[in-house]
Amino acid sequence: MPRCGCALLVALAALLAACDNPRERSFPGYIEGEYVHLAAPQAGYLEALHAPRGSRVHRQDPVFSVSADPDRQGLAEAEARARSAEERLRNLEAPRRASEIATMAAQLNAAEAALALSAAQLRRQEDLAARQFVSRARLDEARAANARDAAQAAAAREQLATYRASLGRTEERRAAQAEVAATQALVEQKRWQVEKKTVASPAAGEIAETFYRPGEWVPAGSAVASLLPDGRRRLRFFVPETRIADFAPGRPVEARCDGCAATIRAVVDFIAPEAEYTPPVIYSRGSREKLVFRVEAAPHPDAAVILRPGLPVDVILPEG
């Protein structure tokens, strides 16, 4: 056979081999929704559904509320107890009335004036006694009067300080302060219980389902509504083990679906650590029994809003 004929046969065989083992660039998958179940921590009758199923909500929009009448009454009681404890502490920390303090200050002034007078008289008596113009008894009387007035002035001074100080002792004030702290903590607890009777959306998204109607009893912690956040719609697809090396977190991918007007752009953020068999719902072009790795990608926020969980997609690995 001529040399050119052999070369032609070799090239044709290589082409056929390439056709039998095409390098896949499209991978089957679907849209996965990660739902958030909204529940109240306290039991009660469902008072209102502010966001029915199928409606869109923004972050912090109210979704539902449970009757909070008993908790509001408990909050009012706790607030009243807190005010009472604060008044008791304020009374213990406050000094006496201003009129009582003024009276005591006047008594101290009088005692100090009497002390000044008796001190002057004592000095005169001592001078006269030194020249022997008065008896020893008169000198002793002057000394006693001065000592008496000094004691009265000191007593008045201490009493005025007591009047200006707080009414309660240190231990009583500490006990009152502890009571105030305890009642304030109870107020915060009751306020939290009232606030949690109205449940708000933690993120923008769509209310997928509601499980109770207004008027029904809702047990504590039981989900009343399920939310599909915009940021929790994901691409989930399956990559053969021969191609998994082409994927890594941060790798951009594209996806197409029936009815999608534009290509869905996403970024890989998860690769399963273990291989698995192709799920039965994924109809790949090859054998269903080959090993694949589950890969997930987060779509661009603008595209995530229109994606519906369960929608089949073909994920494409861009060139380059």
Foldseek 3Di string as FASTA:
>chain_A
DDPVVVVVVVVVVVVVVCVVPPDDFKFKFFKAFDKDFDFFQAWAFWADAPAAAFGWDFAFAWGTFGDCVVLVVQLVVLVVQLVVLVVVLVQQFAFADPVVLVVLVVQLVVLVVQLVVLVVVLVVVVVCVVVPNDDPVVNVVSVVSNVVSVVSNVVSVVVSVRRRGGNDDPVVSVVSVVSSVVSVVSSVVSVVNNVSSTITDNRIFGWHHADDDGRDIDHRPHGGTMTGHLQRIKIKTKAAPVCCVVDDFQQKKWKDAVPDPDIWIWTWHDKDPDWDFQDPVTDDPDDRGGIIIITMTTTDSVVSRPGDGPGMMMMGRDDD
